[in-house]
Amino acid sequence: LKQYALTASQLPNGDLFLPVNSTPFQELNMLGTIVNTWNAPTGYPIDLHDGVMTAHGTILYISDANVSVTNFPSNITTSNAPKTTVTVSDSRAVEISATNGALLHVWSPLTMLDPTRITYLTTYGAAVDNEHGNAVLEDTNDNSIIMSLRNQNCVFKFNRSGQVKWILGPPDLWPTNFTQFLLTPEGTPFGWQYGQHAPQLTSQGTLVLYDDGNFRASPWAPAIQDKNNYSRAVEYSINQTNMTI
């Protein structure tokens, strides 16, 4: 923790696996002794939000890169805001070999999703923080990847070829060509997640996450006032065949 790891997971042998600032990935036994280390490939530095060992003998993690995006809304306060060219921080999902650290896959949310979709969490700066990837995990049921983009209010699943399977989150402001990937809610009461963290698959086949609840609205609907808002743990059941949740 003193080396600024933001996440840690336990390996089948009982050791801890965590990304840190000094050596990007470390395996520690329960006495705190480093028993293994891995370096990130050149050009793919780690974002400390997440890094996990998979069942396939690989390491999944998030690596940020600045990318120029055209036709991006200049603000989140007006529906007809002028479009401009901005630099966006792209939260890439990276997979490397746990054997030799070789680069295996790189998946960019900017190429899989709509690069110009905004939310109330979109933050403008030298690089626009429009994704803020904070979790990545493997679904061993169908060899797919699940990723959480906090600032998109979006958890989405894609295969290793980079094809989107579903998108979990409020359907607002998604272009029509993404409608096929949006999950349809069933049951009442139902509530989408906002600014989510830490999605995990359960042994029951459900998805559990922490719903921060930021704003609980999308541009340009009125945001929920803090005094009336809440955070929660929420468990979703997703039917991938019927595209329902």
C-alpha atoms as a PDB file:
ATOM      1  CA  LEU A   1       0.000   0.000   0.000  1.00  0.00           C
ATOM      2  CA  LYS A   2       2.850   2.390   0.700  1.00  0.00           C
ATOM      3  CA  GLN A   3       3.792   1.967  -2.977  1.00  0.00           C
ATOM      4  CA  TYR A   4       0.344   3.229  -3.972  1.00  0.00           C
ATOM      5  CA  ALA A   5      -1.382   0.034  -5.045  1.00  0.00           C
ATOM      6  CA  LEU A   6      -5.101   0.762  -5.438  1.00  0.00           C
ATOM      7  CA  THR A   7      -6.189  -2.848  -5.763  1.00  0.00           C
ATOM      8  CA  ALA A   8      -5.076  -6.277  -4.638  1.00  0.00           C
ATOM      9  CA  SER A   9      -6.370  -9.752  -5.440  1.00  0.00           C
ATOM     10  CA  GLN A  10      -5.609 -13.159  -3.977  1.00  0.00           C
ATOM     11  CA  LEU A  11      -4.112 -15.836  -6.202  1.00  0.00           C
ATOM     12  CA  PRO A  12      -5.098 -19.533  -5.965  1.00  0.00           C
ATOM     13  CA  ASN A  13      -1.866 -20.211  -4.010  1.00  0.00           C
ATOM     14  CA  GLY A  14      -2.903 -17.661  -1.377  1.00  0.00           C
ATOM     15  CA  ASP A  15      -0.409 -14.967  -2.400  1.00  0.00           C
ATOM     16  CA  LEU A  16      -1.445 -11.401  -3.170  1.00  0.00           C
ATOM     17  CA  PHE A  17      -1.197  -9.897  -6.662  1.00  0.00           C
ATOM     18  CA  LEU A  18      -1.084  -6.116  -6.992  1.00  0.00           C
ATOM     19  CA  PRO A  19       0.043  -3.310  -9.304  1.00  0.00           C
ATOM     20  CA  VAL A  20       2.452  -0.824  -7.704  1.00  0.00           C
ATOM     21  CA  ASN A  21       4.423   2.230  -8.753  1.00  0.00           C
ATOM     22  CA  SER A  22       7.951   0.819  -8.492  1.00  0.00           C
ATOM     23  CA  THR A  23       7.773  -2.576 -10.202  1.00  0.00           C
ATOM     24  CA  PRO A  24       4.437  -2.524 -12.013  1.00  0.00           C
ATOM     25  CA  PHE A  25       3.174  -5.934 -10.825  1.00  0.00           C
ATOM     26  CA  GLN A  26       4.151  -7.893  -7.734  1.00  0.00           C
ATOM     27  CA  GLU A  27       3.216 -11.168  -6.119  1.00  0.00           C
ATOM     28  CA  LEU A  28       3.574 -11.098  -2.325  1.00  0.00           C
ATOM     29  CA  ASN A  29       3.174 -13.953   0.101  1.00  0.00           C
ATOM     30  CA  MET A  30       1.266 -13.448   3.341  1.00  0.00           C
ATOM     31  CA  LEU A  31       4.491 -12.520   5.141  1.00  0.00           C
ATOM     32  CA  GLY A  32       4.910  -9.561   2.781  1.00  0.00           C
ATOM     33  CA  THR A  33       7.823 -11.080   0.863  1.00  0.00           C
ATOM     34  CA  ILE A  34       7.986 -10.351  -2.867  1.00  0.00           C
ATOM     35  CA  VAL A  35       8.092 -13.714  -4.663  1.00  0.00           C
ATOM     36  CA  ASN A  36       7.576 -12.575  -8.262  1.00  0.00           C
ATOM     37  CA  THR A  37       7.510  -9.372 -10.340  1.00  0.00           C
ATOM     38  CA  TRP A  38       6.397  -8.402 -13.838  1.00  0.00           C
ATOM     39  CA  ASN A  39       7.166  -5.264 -15.844  1.00  0.00           C
ATOM     40  CA  ALA A  40       4.690  -3.566 -18.156  1.00  0.00           C
ATOM     41  CA  PRO A  41       5.618  -3.460 -21.870  1.00  0.00           C
ATOM     42  CA  THR A  42       7.225  -0.247 -23.125  1.00  0.00           C
ATOM     43  CA  GLY A  43       4.549   2.275 -24.057  1.00  0.00           C
ATOM     44  CA  TYR A  44       1.868   0.647 -21.913  1.00  0.00           C
ATOM     45  CA  PRO A  45       2.283   2.056 -18.383  1.00  0.00           C
ATOM     46  CA  ILE A  46      -0.184   0.869 -15.789  1.00  0.00           C
ATOM     47  CA  ASP A  47      -3.091   2.805 -14.378  1.00  0.00           C
ATOM     48  CA  LEU A  48      -3.129   1.738 -10.731  1.00  0.00           C
ATOM     49  CA  HIS A  49      -6.911   1.390 -10.665  1.00  0.00           C
ATOM     50  CA  ASP A  50      -6.752  -2.293 -11.540  1.00  0.00           C
ATOM     51  CA  GLY A  51      -4.541  -5.212 -12.506  1.00  0.00           C
ATOM     52  CA  VAL A  52      -5.548  -8.871 -12.265  1.00  0.00           C
ATOM     53  CA  MET A  53      -4.137 -12.304 -13.007  1.00  0.00           C
ATOM     54  CA  THR A  54      -6.441 -14.331 -15.258  1.00  0.00           C
ATOM     55  CA  ALA A  55      -7.210 -18.034 -15.446  1.00  0.00           C
ATOM     56  CA  HIS A  56      -5.425 -18.100 -18.814  1.00  0.00           C
ATOM     57  CA  GLY A  57      -1.986 -17.316 -17.422  1.00  0.00           C
ATOM     58  CA  THR A  58      -2.160 -13.659 -18.397  1.00  0.00           C
ATOM     59  CA  ILE A  59      -2.311 -10.280 -16.662  1.00  0.00           C
ATOM     60  CA  LEU A  60      -5.088  -7.790 -17.432  1.00  0.00           C
ATOM     61  CA  TYR A  61      -4.674  -4.131 -16.566  1.00  0.00           C
ATOM     62  CA  ILE A  62      -5.588  -0.576 -17.606  1.00  0.00           C
ATOM     63  CA  SER A  63      -3.142   1.686 -19.457  1.00  0.00           C
ATOM     64  CA  ASP A  64      -3.967   5.303 -20.323  1.00  0.00           C
ATOM     65  CA  ALA A  65      -2.998   7.022 -23.575  1.00  0.00           C
ATOM     66  CA  ASN A  66      -3.842  10.491 -24.885  1.00  0.00           C
ATOM     67  CA  VAL A  67      -5.708  10.458 -28.202  1.00  0.00           C
ATOM     68  CA  SER A  68      -7.010  13.321 -30.361  1.00  0.00           C
ATOM     69  CA  VAL A  69     -10.790  13.187 -30.883  1.00  0.00           C
ATOM     70  CA  THR A  70     -12.711  15.391 -33.319  1.00  0.00           C
ATOM     71  CA  ASN A  71     -16.329  16.610 -33.095  1.00  0.00           C
ATOM     72  CA  PHE A  72     -16.278  16.501 -29.301  1.00  0.00           C
ATOM     73  CA  PRO A  73     -18.848  18.610 -27.383  1.00  0.00           C
ATOM     74  CA  SER A  74     -17.150  21.672 -25.902  1.00  0.00           C
ATOM     75  CA  ASN A  75     -19.201  21.492 -22.671  1.00  0.00           C
ATOM     76  CA  ILE A  76     -21.752  19.333 -20.825  1.00  0.00           C
ATOM     77  CA  THR A  77     -24.196  22.106 -19.985  1.00  0.00           C
ATOM     78  CA  THR A  78     -25.939  22.693 -23.323  1.00  0.00           C
ATOM     79  CA  SER A  79     -27.310  20.201 -25.830  1.00  0.00           C
ATOM     80  CA  ASN A  80     -26.145  22.244 -28.819  1.00  0.00           C
ATOM     81  CA  ALA A  81     -22.619  22.982 -27.560  1.00  0.00           C
ATOM     82  CA  PRO A  82     -20.103  23.695 -30.360  1.00  0.00           C
ATOM     83  CA  LYS A  83     -17.989  20.725 -31.401  1.00  0.00           C
ATOM     84  CA  THR A  84     -14.231  20.882 -31.150  1.00  0.00           C
ATOM     85  CA  THR A  85     -11.086  18.760 -31.323  1.00  0.00           C
ATOM     86  CA  VAL A  86      -9.786  17.668 -27.926  1.00  0.00           C
ATOM     87  CA  THR A  87      -7.244  15.333 -26.404  1.00  0.00           C
ATOM     88  CA  VAL A  88      -8.976  12.484 -24.585  1.00  0.00           C
ATOM     89  CA  SER A  89      -7.421  10.116 -22.057  1.00  0.00           C
ATOM     90  CA  ASP A  90      -8.192   6.647 -23.414  1.00  0.00           C
ATOM     91  CA  SER A  91      -8.343   3.885 -20.781  1.00  0.00           C
ATOM     92  CA  ARG A  92      -6.980   0.960 -22.770  1.00  0.00           C
ATOM     93  CA  ALA A  93      -7.386  -2.607 -21.538  1.00  0.00           C
ATOM     94  CA  VAL A  94      -4.055  -4.409 -21.916  1.00  0.00           C
ATOM     95  CA  GLU A  95      -3.286  -8.124 -21.668  1.00  0.00           C
ATOM     96  CA  ILE A  96       0.244  -9.456 -21.235  1.00  0.00           C
ATOM     97  CA  SER A  97       1.718 -12.902 -20.678  1.00  0.00           C
ATOM     98  CA  ALA A  98       2.311 -13.834 -17.045  1.00  0.00           C
ATOM     99  CA  THR A  99       5.168 -16.037 -18.240  1.00  0.00           C
ATOM    100  CA  ASN A 100       7.378 -13.508 -20.010  1.00  0.00           C
ATOM    101  CA  GLY A 101       5.468 -10.201 -19.959  1.00  0.00           C
ATOM    102  CA  ALA A 102       4.907 -10.251 -23.726  1.00  0.00           C
ATOM    103  CA  LEU A 103       2.179  -7.945 -25.040  1.00  0.00           C
ATOM    104  CA  LEU A 104      -0.817 -10.010 -26.180  1.00  0.00           C
ATOM    105  CA  HIS A 105      -3.785  -7.668 -26.645  1.00  0.00           C
ATOM    106  CA  VAL A 106      -4.674  -3.985 -26.470  1.00  0.00           C
ATOM    107  CA  TRP A 107      -8.329  -2.901 -26.535  1.00  0.00           C
ATOM    108  CA  SER A 108      -9.286   0.774 -26.822  1.00  0.00           C
ATOM    109  CA  PRO A 109     -12.707   1.951 -25.578  1.00  0.00           C
ATOM    110  CA  LEU A 110     -12.408   4.855 -28.026  1.00  0.00           C
ATOM    111  CA  THR A 111     -12.555   2.414 -30.933  1.00  0.00           C
ATOM    112  CA  MET A 112     -15.146   0.063 -29.429  1.00  0.00           C
ATOM    113  CA  LEU A 113     -17.562   2.680 -28.074  1.00  0.00           C
ATOM    114  CA  ASP A 114     -18.696   6.190 -29.055  1.00  0.00           C
ATOM    115  CA  PRO A 115     -15.658   8.484 -28.561  1.00  0.00           C
ATOM    116  CA  THR A 116     -17.806  11.641 -28.297  1.00  0.00           C
ATOM    117  CA  ARG A 117     -20.507  10.519 -25.840  1.00  0.00           C
ATOM    118  CA  ILE A 118     -20.478  12.691 -22.702  1.00  0.00           C
ATOM    119  CA  THR A 119     -21.954  12.442 -19.213  1.00  0.00           C
ATOM    120  CA  TYR A 120     -22.103  14.726 -16.185  1.00  0.00           C
ATOM    121  CA  LEU A 121     -18.848  13.074 -15.085  1.00  0.00           C
ATOM    122  CA  THR A 122     -16.950  14.169 -18.211  1.00  0.00           C
ATOM    123  CA  THR A 123     -14.085  16.347 -16.964  1.00  0.00           C
ATOM    124  CA  TYR A 124     -12.380  18.878 -19.223  1.00  0.00           C
ATOM    125  CA  GLY A 125      -8.681  19.591 -18.874  1.00  0.00           C
ATOM    126  CA  ALA A 126      -5.407  19.244 -20.752  1.00  0.00           C
ATOM    127  CA  ALA A 127      -6.701  15.749 -21.538  1.00  0.00           C
ATOM    128  CA  VAL A 128     -10.464  15.240 -21.257  1.00  0.00           C
ATOM    129  CA  ASP A 129     -11.273  12.531 -18.698  1.00  0.00           C
ATOM    130  CA  ASN A 130     -14.259  10.991 -20.440  1.00  0.00           C
ATOM    131  CA  GLU A 131     -13.713   7.313 -19.640  1.00  0.00           C
ATOM    132  CA  HIS A 132     -11.814   6.921 -16.348  1.00  0.00           C
ATOM    133  CA  GLY A 133     -11.455   3.160 -16.584  1.00  0.00           C
ATOM    134  CA  ASN A 134     -11.356   1.753 -13.057  1.00  0.00           C
ATOM    135  CA  ALA A 135     -11.807  -2.013 -13.396  1.00  0.00           C
ATOM    136  CA  VAL A 136     -11.105  -4.819 -15.859  1.00  0.00           C
ATOM    137  CA  LEU A 137     -11.837  -8.519 -15.433  1.00  0.00           C
ATOM    138  CA  GLU A 138     -12.149 -11.724 -17.393  1.00  0.00           C
ATOM    139  CA  ASP A 139     -15.362 -13.693 -17.915  1.00  0.00           C
ATOM    140  CA  THR A 140     -14.142 -17.283 -18.220  1.00  0.00           C
ATOM    141  CA  ASN A 141     -17.626 -18.443 -19.265  1.00  0.00           C
ATOM    142  CA  ASP A 142     -17.113 -17.175 -22.806  1.00  0.00           C
ATOM    143  CA  ASN A 143     -13.511 -15.932 -22.912  1.00  0.00           C
ATOM    144  CA  SER A 144     -14.578 -12.272 -22.778  1.00  0.00           C
ATOM    145  CA  ILE A 145     -13.465  -9.115 -20.987  1.00  0.00           C
ATOM    146  CA  ILE A 146     -15.601  -6.838 -18.797  1.00  0.00           C
ATOM    147  CA  MET A 147     -14.496  -3.255 -18.229  1.00  0.00           C
ATOM    148  CA  SER A 148     -15.819  -0.409 -16.087  1.00  0.00           C
ATOM    149  CA  LEU A 149     -15.666   3.173 -17.374  1.00  0.00           C
ATOM    150  CA  ARG A 150     -16.644   5.360 -14.430  1.00  0.00           C
ATOM    151  CA  ASN A 151     -17.100   8.614 -16.350  1.00  0.00           C
ATOM    152  CA  GLN A 152     -19.303   6.919 -18.948  1.00  0.00           C
ATOM    153  CA  ASN A 153     -21.573   5.352 -16.283  1.00  0.00           C
ATOM    154  CA  CYS A 154     -20.833   2.241 -18.284  1.00  0.00           C
ATOM    155  CA  VAL A 155     -19.780  -1.349 -17.731  1.00  0.00           C
ATOM    156  CA  PHE A 156     -19.349  -3.187 -21.003  1.00  0.00           C
ATOM    157  CA  LYS A 157     -18.365  -6.622 -22.204  1.00  0.00           C
ATOM    158  CA  PHE A 158     -16.368  -7.467 -25.306  1.00  0.00           C
ATOM    159  CA  ASN A 159     -14.643 -10.504 -26.776  1.00  0.00           C
ATOM    160  CA  ARG A 160     -10.930 -10.788 -27.399  1.00  0.00           C
ATOM    161  CA  SER A 161     -11.474  -9.655 -30.995  1.00  0.00           C
ATOM    162  CA  GLY A 162     -12.734  -6.321 -29.639  1.00  0.00           C
ATOM    163  CA  GLN A 163     -16.407  -6.874 -30.506  1.00  0.00           C
ATOM    164  CA  VAL A 164     -18.842  -5.415 -27.988  1.00  0.00           C
ATOM    165  CA  LYS A 165     -21.310  -7.925 -26.488  1.00  0.00           C
ATOM    166  CA  TRP A 166     -23.343  -5.713 -24.155  1.00  0.00           C
ATOM    167  CA  ILE A 167     -23.395  -2.326 -22.473  1.00  0.00           C
ATOM    168  CA  LEU A 168     -24.680  -1.936 -18.907  1.00  0.00           C
ATOM    169  CA  GLY A 169     -25.726   1.572 -17.910  1.00  0.00           C
ATOM    170  CA  PRO A 170     -28.223   4.337 -18.648  1.00  0.00           C
ATOM    171  CA  PRO A 171     -29.127   4.335 -22.370  1.00  0.00           C
ATOM    172  CA  ASP A 172     -29.021   8.137 -22.723  1.00  0.00           C
ATOM    173  CA  LEU A 173     -26.956   9.722 -25.525  1.00  0.00           C
ATOM    174  CA  TRP A 174     -25.825   6.476 -27.123  1.00  0.00           C
ATOM    175  CA  PRO A 175     -25.907   6.686 -30.948  1.00  0.00           C
ATOM    176  CA  THR A 176     -28.425   4.428 -32.699  1.00  0.00           C
ATOM    177  CA  ASN A 177     -25.719   2.033 -33.900  1.00  0.00           C
ATOM    178  CA  PHE A 178     -25.129   1.063 -30.252  1.00  0.00           C
ATOM    179  CA  THR A 179     -28.796   0.344 -29.481  1.00  0.00           C
ATOM    180  CA  GLN A 180     -28.246  -3.355 -30.213  1.00  0.00           C
ATOM    181  CA  PHE A 181     -25.763  -3.587 -27.336  1.00  0.00           C
ATOM    182  CA  LEU A 182     -27.833  -1.806 -24.670  1.00  0.00           C
ATOM    183  CA  LEU A 183     -29.399  -4.078 -22.064  1.00  0.00           C
ATOM    184  CA  THR A 184     -33.162  -3.797 -21.543  1.00  0.00           C
ATOM    185  CA  PRO A 185     -34.192  -3.562 -17.865  1.00  0.00           C
ATOM    186  CA  GLU A 186     -36.747  -5.972 -16.399  1.00  0.00           C
ATOM    187  CA  GLY A 187     -38.492  -5.897 -13.040  1.00  0.00           C
ATOM    188  CA  THR A 188     -39.371  -3.059 -10.700  1.00  0.00           C
ATOM    189  CA  PRO A 189     -37.985  -1.133  -9.065  1.00  0.00           C
ATOM    190  CA  PHE A 190     -34.978  -0.917 -11.404  1.00  0.00           C
ATOM    191  CA  GLY A 191     -32.146   1.580 -11.258  1.00  0.00           C
ATOM    192  CA  TRP A 192     -29.076   2.072 -13.418  1.00  0.00           C
ATOM    193  CA  GLN A 193     -25.668   2.607 -11.883  1.00  0.00           C
ATOM    194  CA  TYR A 194     -23.742   5.895 -12.070  1.00  0.00           C
ATOM    195  CA  GLY A 195     -20.004   6.411 -11.519  1.00  0.00           C
ATOM    196  CA  GLN A 196     -19.615   2.728 -10.653  1.00  0.00           C
ATOM    197  CA  HIS A 197     -16.633   0.895  -9.187  1.00  0.00           C
ATOM    198  CA  ALA A 198     -15.430  -2.689  -8.669  1.00  0.00           C
ATOM    199  CA  PRO A 199     -17.670  -4.922 -10.835  1.00  0.00           C
ATOM    200  CA  GLN A 200     -17.265  -8.598  -9.928  1.00  0.00           C
ATOM    201  CA  LEU A 201     -18.785 -11.778 -11.330  1.00  0.00           C
ATOM    202  CA  THR A 202     -20.346 -14.056  -8.722  1.00  0.00           C
ATOM    203  CA  SER A 203     -20.539 -17.846  -8.607  1.00  0.00           C
ATOM    204  CA  GLN A 204     -24.265 -17.452  -9.340  1.00  0.00           C
ATOM    205  CA  GLY A 205     -23.454 -15.823 -12.687  1.00  0.00           C
ATOM    206  CA  THR A 206     -24.571 -12.348 -11.589  1.00  0.00           C
ATOM    207  CA  LEU A 207     -22.621  -9.085 -11.642  1.00  0.00           C
ATOM    208  CA  VAL A 208     -22.098  -7.174  -8.394  1.00  0.00           C
ATOM    209  CA  LEU A 209     -20.749  -3.616  -8.325  1.00  0.00           C
ATOM    210  CA  TYR A 210     -20.560  -0.490  -6.210  1.00  0.00           C
ATOM    211  CA  ASP A 211     -22.917   2.178  -7.526  1.00  0.00           C
ATOM    212  CA  ASP A 212     -21.543   5.576  -6.462  1.00  0.00           C
ATOM    213  CA  GLY A 213     -24.694   7.277  -7.762  1.00  0.00           C
ATOM    214  CA  ASN A 214     -23.083  10.488  -9.067  1.00  0.00           C
ATOM    215  CA  PHE A 215     -25.869  12.831 -10.290  1.00  0.00           C
ATOM    216  CA  ARG A 216     -28.195   9.904 -11.202  1.00  0.00           C
ATOM    217  CA  ALA A 217     -28.952  11.677 -14.460  1.00  0.00           C
ATOM    218  CA  SER A 218     -27.512  12.207 -17.914  1.00  0.00           C
ATOM    219  CA  PRO A 219     -27.129  15.448 -19.832  1.00  0.00           C
ATOM    220  CA  TRP A 220     -29.370  17.342 -19.993  1.00  0.00           C
ATOM    221  CA  ALA A 221     -31.808  16.105 -17.419  1.00  0.00           C
ATOM    222  CA  PRO A 222     -31.720  17.674 -13.936  1.00  0.00           C
ATOM    223  CA  ALA A 223     -29.209  16.028 -11.610  1.00  0.00           C
ATOM    224  CA  ILE A 224     -30.315  14.597  -8.261  1.00  0.00           C
ATOM    225  CA  GLN A 225     -29.257  16.872  -5.402  1.00  0.00           C
ATOM    226  CA  ASP A 226     -26.680  15.384  -3.060  1.00  0.00           C
ATOM    227  CA  LYS A 227     -29.031  15.569  -0.066  1.00  0.00           C
ATOM    228  CA  ASN A 228     -31.517  13.357  -1.930  1.00  0.00           C
ATOM    229  CA  ASN A 229     -28.948  11.007  -3.473  1.00  0.00           C
ATOM    230  CA  TYR A 230     -27.383   7.745  -2.288  1.00  0.00           C
ATOM    231  CA  SER A 231     -24.765   5.125  -3.037  1.00  0.00           C
ATOM    232  CA  ARG A 232     -25.374   1.390  -2.912  1.00  0.00           C
ATOM    233  CA  ALA A 233     -24.134  -2.099  -3.613  1.00  0.00           C
ATOM    234  CA  VAL A 234     -26.172  -3.572  -6.457  1.00  0.00           C
ATOM    235  CA  GLU A 235     -26.421  -7.030  -8.010  1.00  0.00           C
ATOM    236  CA  TYR A 236     -27.551  -7.425 -11.618  1.00  0.00           C
ATOM    237  CA  SER A 237     -28.682 -10.557 -13.447  1.00  0.00           C
ATOM    238  CA  ILE A 238     -27.865 -10.321 -17.156  1.00  0.00           C
ATOM    239  CA  ASN A 239     -29.446 -12.510 -19.835  1.00  0.00           C
ATOM    240  CA  GLN A 240     -26.935 -12.214 -22.665  1.00  0.00           C
ATOM    241  CA  THR A 241     -29.170 -14.160 -25.090  1.00  0.00           C
ATOM    242  CA  ASN A 242     -32.198 -11.909 -24.632  1.00  0.00           C
ATOM    243  CA  MET A 243     -30.105  -8.785 -23.908  1.00  0.00           C
ATOM    244  CA  THR A 244     -32.073  -8.115 -20.730  1.00  0.00           C
ATOM    245  CA  ILE A 245     -30.986  -7.188 -17.214  1.00  0.00           C
END
